[in-house]
């Protein structure tokens, strides 16, 4: 069974800067603690990542994954899991809009593990992913100035 979650937050930067940070997937290990590495395997003509292979460790479980990204300008980035050693499903997205003091961000994520996990542990995995994808992204982007 999959679990969905979302976080809304604001980043003190314009949408183009936020989306550039999201697109810099090779930097994930530098700001997103669970990421041990991230490698772009192919890119779209505009240079943004298409296929990304990554190693992620959460609650002692290491996952080797391949995700496919899709981009809608500086408005939306989404990804879908293609291969994984620990997940059946991962669908995520960042939707950006100009806000009063920067960029409003909606981060949505749906996960489903391959292995049976106690509910409390899986909730921790989802919570960690949502926190990393919101709080850590905000800190990273605002630190670029």
N, C-alpha and C. Protein backbone atom coordinates (compact mmCIF):
# COMPACT_ATOMS: atom_id res chain seq x y z
N UNK A 1 0.84 -1.18 0.00
CA UNK A 1 0.00 0.00 0.00
C UNK A 1 0.88 1.25 0.00
N UNK A 2 0.56 2.20 -0.85
CA UNK A 2 1.35 3.42 -0.93
C UNK A 2 0.86 4.45 0.07
N UNK A 3 1.75 5.37 0.39
CA UNK A 3 1.43 6.47 1.28
C UNK A 3 1.77 7.76 0.56
N UNK A 4 0.84 8.71 0.61
CA UNK A 4 1.04 10.02 -0.01
C UNK A 4 1.23 11.07 1.08
N UNK A 5 2.04 12.06 0.75
CA UNK A 5 2.23 13.18 1.66
C UNK A 5 2.57 14.42 0.87
N UNK A 6 2.42 15.57 1.51
CA UNK A 6 2.78 16.82 0.83
C UNK A 6 3.18 17.85 1.87
N UNK A 7 3.93 18.83 1.41
CA UNK A 7 4.35 19.96 2.24
C UNK A 7 4.28 21.20 1.38
N UNK A 8 3.77 22.26 1.96
CA UNK A 8 3.79 23.57 1.31
C UNK A 8 4.72 24.46 2.11
N UNK A 9 5.57 25.20 1.40
CA UNK A 9 6.52 26.07 2.07
C UNK A 9 6.93 27.17 1.11
N UNK A 10 7.66 28.14 1.64
CA UNK A 10 8.12 29.26 0.81
C UNK A 10 9.63 29.36 0.89
N UNK A 11 10.24 29.69 -0.24
CA UNK A 11 11.68 29.87 -0.33
C UNK A 11 11.95 31.31 -0.75
N UNK A 12 12.88 31.96 -0.08
CA UNK A 12 13.23 33.36 -0.38
C UNK A 12 14.15 33.42 -1.60
N UNK A 13 13.59 33.07 -2.76
CA UNK A 13 14.31 33.12 -4.03
C UNK A 13 13.25 33.07 -5.13
N UNK A 14 13.62 33.53 -6.33
CA UNK A 14 12.66 33.50 -7.43
C UNK A 14 12.49 32.06 -7.95
N UNK A 15 11.38 31.78 -8.66
CA UNK A 15 11.13 30.42 -9.14
C UNK A 15 12.25 29.86 -10.02
N UNK A 16 12.89 30.67 -10.85
CA UNK A 16 13.96 30.18 -11.71
C UNK A 16 15.14 29.66 -10.87
N UNK A 17 15.46 30.35 -9.79
CA UNK A 17 16.56 29.93 -8.91
C UNK A 17 16.21 28.62 -8.20
N UNK A 18 14.96 28.53 -7.72
CA UNK A 18 14.52 27.31 -7.04
C UNK A 18 14.56 26.13 -8.01
N UNK A 19 14.04 26.33 -9.22
CA UNK A 19 14.01 25.23 -10.18
C UNK A 19 15.41 24.83 -10.62
N UNK A 20 16.32 25.79 -10.72
CA UNK A 20 17.71 25.47 -11.06
C UNK A 20 18.32 24.58 -9.97
N UNK A 21 17.98 24.84 -8.72
CA UNK A 21 18.49 24.02 -7.62
C UNK A 21 17.89 22.61 -7.68
N UNK A 22 16.61 22.50 -8.00
CA UNK A 22 15.97 21.20 -8.13
C UNK A 22 16.61 20.42 -9.28
N UNK A 23 16.90 21.11 -10.37
CA UNK A 23 17.49 20.47 -11.55
C UNK A 23 18.94 20.05 -11.34
N UNK A 24 19.61 20.62 -10.36
CA UNK A 24 21.01 20.29 -10.08
C UNK A 24 21.07 19.01 -9.23
N UNK A 25 20.56 17.92 -9.78
CA UNK A 25 20.44 16.68 -9.00
C UNK A 25 21.77 16.11 -8.55
N UNK A 26 22.85 16.42 -9.25
CA UNK A 26 24.16 15.95 -8.81
C UNK A 26 24.54 16.53 -7.45
N UNK A 27 23.90 17.63 -7.07
CA UNK A 27 24.17 18.28 -5.78
C UNK A 27 23.39 17.66 -4.62
N UNK A 28 22.44 16.77 -4.91
CA UNK A 28 21.62 16.18 -3.85
C UNK A 28 22.43 15.66 -2.66
N UNK A 29 23.53 14.93 -2.87
CA UNK A 29 24.28 14.44 -1.70
C UNK A 29 24.84 15.57 -0.82
N UNK A 30 24.96 16.77 -1.36
CA UNK A 30 25.49 17.90 -0.58
C UNK A 30 24.45 18.56 0.32
N UNK A 31 23.18 18.38 0.02
CA UNK A 31 22.16 19.04 0.85
C UNK A 31 21.06 18.11 1.34
N UNK A 32 20.90 16.96 0.72
CA UNK A 32 19.86 16.02 1.11
C UNK A 32 20.52 14.80 1.75
N UNK A 33 20.59 14.79 3.07
CA UNK A 33 21.32 13.77 3.82
C UNK A 33 21.14 12.34 3.39
N UNK A 34 19.91 11.88 3.08
CA UNK A 34 19.74 10.48 2.69
C UNK A 34 20.43 10.10 1.38
N UNK A 35 20.73 11.09 0.53
CA UNK A 35 21.36 10.79 -0.77
C UNK A 35 22.85 10.58 -0.61
N UNK A 36 23.32 9.40 -0.98
CA UNK A 36 24.75 9.09 -0.93
C UNK A 36 25.42 9.45 -2.25
N UNK A 37 24.68 9.33 -3.36
CA UNK A 37 25.17 9.77 -4.67
C UNK A 37 23.99 9.94 -5.61
N UNK A 38 24.19 10.73 -6.65
CA UNK A 38 23.18 10.94 -7.69
C UNK A 38 23.92 11.24 -8.99
N UNK A 39 23.60 10.48 -10.02
CA UNK A 39 24.28 10.61 -11.31
C UNK A 39 23.25 10.75 -12.41
N UNK A 40 23.43 11.76 -13.26
CA UNK A 40 22.54 11.95 -14.40
C UNK A 40 22.98 10.99 -15.50
N UNK A 41 22.06 10.13 -15.94
CA UNK A 41 22.37 9.18 -17.01
C UNK A 41 22.00 9.72 -18.38
N UNK A 42 21.00 10.60 -18.43
CA UNK A 42 20.66 11.25 -19.70
C UNK A 42 19.96 12.57 -19.40
N UNK A 43 20.03 13.45 -20.40
CA UNK A 43 19.46 14.80 -20.25
C UNK A 43 18.55 15.12 -21.42
N UNK A 44 17.63 16.05 -21.17
CA UNK A 44 16.81 16.60 -22.25
C UNK A 44 17.66 17.59 -23.03
N UNK A 45 17.16 18.02 -24.18
CA UNK A 45 17.91 18.96 -25.02
C UNK A 45 18.26 20.26 -24.31
N UNK A 46 17.41 20.68 -23.36
CA UNK A 46 17.68 21.93 -22.62
C UNK A 46 18.70 21.74 -21.50
N UNK A 47 19.21 20.51 -21.33
CA UNK A 47 20.24 20.24 -20.32
C UNK A 47 19.71 19.73 -18.99
N UNK A 48 18.40 19.81 -18.80
CA UNK A 48 17.85 19.31 -17.53
C UNK A 48 17.89 17.78 -17.50
N UNK A 49 18.02 17.22 -16.30
CA UNK A 49 18.11 15.77 -16.17
C UNK A 49 16.84 15.06 -16.64
N UNK A 50 17.03 13.92 -17.29
CA UNK A 50 15.92 13.05 -17.66
C UNK A 50 15.95 11.79 -16.81
N UNK A 51 17.04 11.02 -16.91
CA UNK A 51 17.19 9.80 -16.11
C UNK A 51 18.29 10.01 -15.08
N UNK A 52 17.97 9.70 -13.83
CA UNK A 52 18.92 9.90 -12.73
C UNK A 52 18.99 8.62 -11.90
N UNK A 53 20.22 8.15 -11.69
CA UNK A 53 20.46 6.98 -10.85
C UNK A 53 20.99 7.51 -9.51
N UNK A 54 20.43 6.97 -8.41
CA UNK A 54 20.83 7.46 -7.08
C UNK A 54 20.88 6.33 -6.07
N UNK A 55 21.65 6.59 -5.03
CA UNK A 55 21.71 5.70 -3.86
C UNK A 55 21.23 6.51 -2.68
N UNK A 56 20.20 6.00 -2.00
CA UNK A 56 19.57 6.72 -0.90
C UNK A 56 19.47 5.78 0.30
N UNK A 57 19.82 6.26 1.49
CA UNK A 57 19.71 5.46 2.70
C UNK A 57 18.82 6.17 3.72
N UNK A 58 17.76 5.47 4.13
CA UNK A 58 16.82 5.99 5.14
C UNK A 58 16.52 4.86 6.12
N UNK A 59 16.50 5.17 7.40
CA UNK A 59 16.27 4.21 8.49
C UNK A 59 17.04 2.90 8.29
N UNK A 60 18.28 3.04 7.85
CA UNK A 60 19.15 1.88 7.69
C UNK A 60 18.92 1.05 6.44
N UNK A 61 18.01 1.48 5.59
CA UNK A 61 17.72 0.77 4.34
C UNK A 61 18.33 1.55 3.18
N UNK A 62 19.19 0.89 2.41
CA UNK A 62 19.80 1.54 1.24
C UNK A 62 19.03 1.14 0.00
N UNK A 63 18.67 2.13 -0.78
CA UNK A 63 17.91 1.92 -2.01
C UNK A 63 18.73 2.42 -3.19
N UNK A 64 18.85 1.58 -4.21
CA UNK A 64 19.48 1.97 -5.47
C UNK A 64 18.33 2.18 -6.45
N UNK A 65 18.21 3.41 -6.96
CA UNK A 65 17.04 3.73 -7.75
C UNK A 65 17.38 4.47 -9.04
N UNK A 66 16.48 4.31 -10.00
CA UNK A 66 16.54 5.04 -11.25
C UNK A 66 15.21 5.75 -11.39
N UNK A 67 15.26 7.09 -11.55
CA UNK A 67 14.03 7.86 -11.70
C UNK A 67 14.08 8.65 -13.00
N UNK A 68 12.89 8.91 -13.54
CA UNK A 68 12.75 9.71 -14.74
C UNK A 68 12.08 11.02 -14.37
N UNK A 69 12.73 12.12 -14.75
CA UNK A 69 12.21 13.46 -14.47
C UNK A 69 11.44 14.00 -15.67
N UNK A 70 10.48 14.87 -15.39
CA UNK A 70 9.77 15.63 -16.41
C UNK A 70 9.72 17.08 -15.92
N UNK A 71 9.78 18.01 -16.84
CA UNK A 71 9.88 19.43 -16.50
C UNK A 71 8.82 20.24 -17.24
N UNK A 72 8.27 21.22 -16.55
CA UNK A 72 7.35 22.18 -17.15
C UNK A 72 7.89 23.58 -16.83
N UNK A 73 8.89 23.98 -17.60
CA UNK A 73 9.53 25.28 -17.38
C UNK A 73 10.02 25.42 -15.96
N UNK A 74 9.76 26.59 -15.37
CA UNK A 74 10.11 26.82 -13.96
C UNK A 74 8.88 26.66 -13.08
N UNK A 75 7.84 26.01 -13.61
CA UNK A 75 6.60 25.82 -12.86
C UNK A 75 6.53 24.49 -12.13
N UNK A 76 7.05 23.42 -12.76
CA UNK A 76 6.87 22.10 -12.16
C UNK A 76 7.98 21.15 -12.57
N UNK A 77 8.46 20.40 -11.60
CA UNK A 77 9.37 19.27 -11.83
C UNK A 77 8.70 18.05 -11.22
N UNK A 78 8.69 16.95 -11.96
CA UNK A 78 8.11 15.73 -11.42
C UNK A 78 9.03 14.56 -11.74
N UNK A 79 8.89 13.49 -10.97
CA UNK A 79 9.71 12.31 -11.22
C UNK A 79 8.91 11.06 -10.91
N UNK A 80 9.29 9.99 -11.60
CA UNK A 80 8.65 8.68 -11.45
C UNK A 80 9.74 7.64 -11.34
N UNK A 81 9.58 6.74 -10.40
CA UNK A 81 10.53 5.66 -10.18
C UNK A 81 10.43 4.64 -11.31
N UNK A 82 11.58 4.30 -11.90
CA UNK A 82 11.62 3.27 -12.95
C UNK A 82 12.19 1.96 -12.42
N UNK A 83 13.21 2.06 -11.56
CA UNK A 83 13.86 0.87 -10.97
C UNK A 83 14.19 1.19 -9.53
N UNK A 84 14.12 0.15 -8.67
CA UNK A 84 14.47 0.36 -7.27
C UNK A 84 14.73 -0.98 -6.60
N UNK A 85 15.66 -0.97 -5.66
CA UNK A 85 15.91 -2.18 -4.89
C UNK A 85 15.00 -2.26 -3.67
N UNK A 86 14.36 -1.15 -3.26
CA UNK A 86 13.57 -1.15 -2.04
C UNK A 86 12.14 -0.62 -2.20
N UNK A 87 11.81 -0.04 -3.35
CA UNK A 87 10.49 0.56 -3.52
C UNK A 87 9.75 -0.04 -4.72
N UNK A 88 8.43 -0.14 -4.57
CA UNK A 88 7.56 -0.50 -5.68
C UNK A 88 7.16 0.75 -6.45
N UNK A 89 7.02 1.87 -5.72
CA UNK A 89 6.45 3.07 -6.29
C UNK A 89 7.07 4.31 -5.66
N UNK A 90 7.37 5.29 -6.49
CA UNK A 90 7.73 6.62 -6.02
C UNK A 90 7.32 7.60 -7.11
N UNK A 91 6.45 8.51 -6.76
CA UNK A 91 6.03 9.57 -7.65
C UNK A 91 6.15 10.86 -6.85
N UNK A 92 6.86 11.83 -7.39
CA UNK A 92 7.05 13.08 -6.67
C UNK A 92 6.99 14.27 -7.58
N UNK A 93 6.78 15.44 -6.98
CA UNK A 93 6.78 16.67 -7.76
C UNK A 93 6.99 17.88 -6.88
N UNK A 94 7.56 18.91 -7.51
CA UNK A 94 7.63 20.25 -6.95
C UNK A 94 6.83 21.14 -7.89
N UNK A 95 5.85 21.85 -7.35
CA UNK A 95 5.09 22.83 -8.13
C UNK A 95 5.39 24.20 -7.54
N UNK A 96 5.87 25.12 -8.38
CA UNK A 96 6.31 26.43 -7.92
C UNK A 96 5.37 27.53 -8.40
N UNK A 97 5.22 28.56 -7.57
CA UNK A 97 4.50 29.77 -7.98
C UNK A 97 5.13 30.95 -7.27
N UNK A 98 5.14 32.09 -7.95
CA UNK A 98 5.71 33.30 -7.34
C UNK A 98 4.89 33.65 -6.11
N UNK A 99 5.60 33.95 -5.03
CA UNK A 99 4.94 34.30 -3.77
C UNK A 99 5.31 35.71 -3.37
N UNK A 100 4.79 36.16 -2.26
CA UNK A 100 5.05 37.51 -1.78
C UNK A 100 6.51 37.81 -1.56
N UNK A 101 7.22 36.88 -0.91
CA UNK A 101 8.63 37.11 -0.58
C UNK A 101 9.55 36.12 -1.27
N UNK A 102 9.09 35.52 -2.35
CA UNK A 102 9.92 34.53 -3.03
C UNK A 102 9.08 33.58 -3.84
N UNK A 103 9.22 32.29 -3.55
CA UNK A 103 8.54 31.25 -4.31
C UNK A 103 7.77 30.34 -3.36
N UNK A 104 6.50 30.14 -3.67
CA UNK A 104 5.69 29.18 -2.94
C UNK A 104 5.93 27.82 -3.59
N UNK A 105 6.14 26.80 -2.77
CA UNK A 105 6.46 25.47 -3.26
C UNK A 105 5.47 24.47 -2.68
N UNK A 106 4.94 23.63 -3.54
CA UNK A 106 4.15 22.48 -3.11
C UNK A 106 4.96 21.25 -3.48
N UNK A 107 5.36 20.49 -2.47
CA UNK A 107 6.11 19.25 -2.65
C UNK A 107 5.16 18.10 -2.36
N UNK A 108 4.96 17.24 -3.37
CA UNK A 108 4.07 16.10 -3.22
C UNK A 108 4.87 14.82 -3.46
N UNK A 109 4.58 13.79 -2.66
CA UNK A 109 5.34 12.56 -2.75
C UNK A 109 4.44 11.37 -2.42
N UNK A 110 4.57 10.31 -3.22
CA UNK A 110 3.89 9.05 -2.96
C UNK A 110 4.93 7.95 -3.01
N UNK A 111 4.95 7.12 -1.96
CA UNK A 111 5.92 6.03 -1.85
C UNK A 111 5.22 4.73 -1.51
N UNK A 112 5.82 3.63 -2.01
CA UNK A 112 5.37 2.29 -1.61
C UNK A 112 6.60 1.39 -1.55
N UNK A 113 6.86 0.80 -0.39
CA UNK A 113 8.04 -0.07 -0.27
C UNK A 113 7.79 -1.44 -0.88
N UNK A 114 8.88 -2.11 -1.27
CA UNK A 114 8.80 -3.49 -1.75
C UNK A 114 8.69 -4.46 -0.58
N UNK A 115 9.34 -4.12 0.52
CA UNK A 115 9.37 -5.02 1.67
C UNK A 115 8.30 -4.61 2.69
N UNK A 116 7.86 -5.57 3.47
CA UNK A 116 6.91 -5.28 4.55
C UNK A 116 7.65 -4.48 5.62
N UNK A 117 7.01 -3.41 6.05
CA UNK A 117 7.59 -2.55 7.09
C UNK A 117 6.51 -2.24 8.11
N UNK A 118 6.87 -2.14 9.38
CA UNK A 118 5.90 -1.67 10.37
C UNK A 118 5.43 -0.26 9.99
N UNK A 119 4.17 0.02 10.22
CA UNK A 119 3.60 1.31 9.86
C UNK A 119 4.38 2.50 10.40
N UNK A 120 4.81 2.44 11.68
CA UNK A 120 5.53 3.55 12.26
C UNK A 120 6.85 3.80 11.54
N UNK A 121 7.51 2.74 11.08
CA UNK A 121 8.79 2.87 10.40
C UNK A 121 8.59 3.48 9.02
N UNK A 122 7.56 3.02 8.30
CA UNK A 122 7.30 3.58 6.98
C UNK A 122 6.89 5.04 7.07
N UNK A 123 6.13 5.40 8.10
CA UNK A 123 5.76 6.81 8.30
C UNK A 123 7.01 7.65 8.54
N UNK A 124 7.99 7.08 9.24
CA UNK A 124 9.24 7.78 9.45
C UNK A 124 9.98 8.00 8.13
N UNK A 125 9.97 7.00 7.26
CA UNK A 125 10.61 7.12 5.94
C UNK A 125 9.95 8.25 5.15
N UNK A 126 8.62 8.26 5.11
CA UNK A 126 7.89 9.29 4.37
C UNK A 126 8.14 10.66 4.99
N UNK A 127 8.11 10.73 6.31
CA UNK A 127 8.36 12.00 7.00
C UNK A 127 9.76 12.53 6.73
N UNK A 128 10.75 11.64 6.74
CA UNK A 128 12.12 12.05 6.44
C UNK A 128 12.22 12.58 5.02
N UNK A 129 11.58 11.89 4.07
CA UNK A 129 11.61 12.34 2.68
C UNK A 129 10.95 13.70 2.52
N UNK A 130 9.81 13.91 3.17
CA UNK A 130 9.12 15.20 3.07
C UNK A 130 9.92 16.32 3.72
N UNK A 131 10.53 16.03 4.87
CA UNK A 131 11.35 17.04 5.54
C UNK A 131 12.58 17.40 4.71
N UNK A 132 13.25 16.37 4.17
CA UNK A 132 14.43 16.62 3.35
C UNK A 132 14.07 17.43 2.12
N UNK A 133 12.99 17.05 1.46
CA UNK A 133 12.58 17.72 0.23
C UNK A 133 12.01 19.10 0.43
N UNK A 134 11.72 19.47 1.66
CA UNK A 134 11.19 20.82 1.93
C UNK A 134 12.21 21.65 2.72
N UNK A 135 12.43 21.29 3.97
CA UNK A 135 13.33 22.08 4.82
C UNK A 135 14.76 22.14 4.28
N UNK A 136 15.27 21.00 3.84
CA UNK A 136 16.66 20.97 3.37
C UNK A 136 16.81 21.68 2.02
N UNK A 137 15.79 21.56 1.15
CA UNK A 137 15.82 22.31 -0.11
C UNK A 137 15.79 23.80 0.16
N UNK A 138 14.92 24.24 1.06
CA UNK A 138 14.82 25.66 1.41
C UNK A 138 16.17 26.18 1.92
N UNK A 139 16.77 25.46 2.84
CA UNK A 139 18.07 25.84 3.40
C UNK A 139 19.14 25.92 2.31
N UNK A 140 19.15 24.93 1.43
CA UNK A 140 20.14 24.88 0.34
C UNK A 140 19.97 26.07 -0.59
N UNK A 141 18.76 26.31 -1.08
CA UNK A 141 18.52 27.40 -2.04
C UNK A 141 18.82 28.75 -1.40
N UNK A 142 18.35 28.96 -0.19
CA UNK A 142 18.58 30.26 0.45
C UNK A 142 20.05 30.47 0.80
N UNK A 143 20.82 29.39 0.89
CA UNK A 143 22.26 29.50 1.14
C UNK A 143 23.08 29.78 -0.12
N UNK A 144 22.44 29.73 -1.28
CA UNK A 144 23.15 29.98 -2.55
C UNK A 144 23.45 31.45 -2.77
N UNK A 145 22.76 32.30 -2.05
CA UNK A 145 22.91 33.76 -2.28
C UNK A 145 24.27 34.25 -1.90
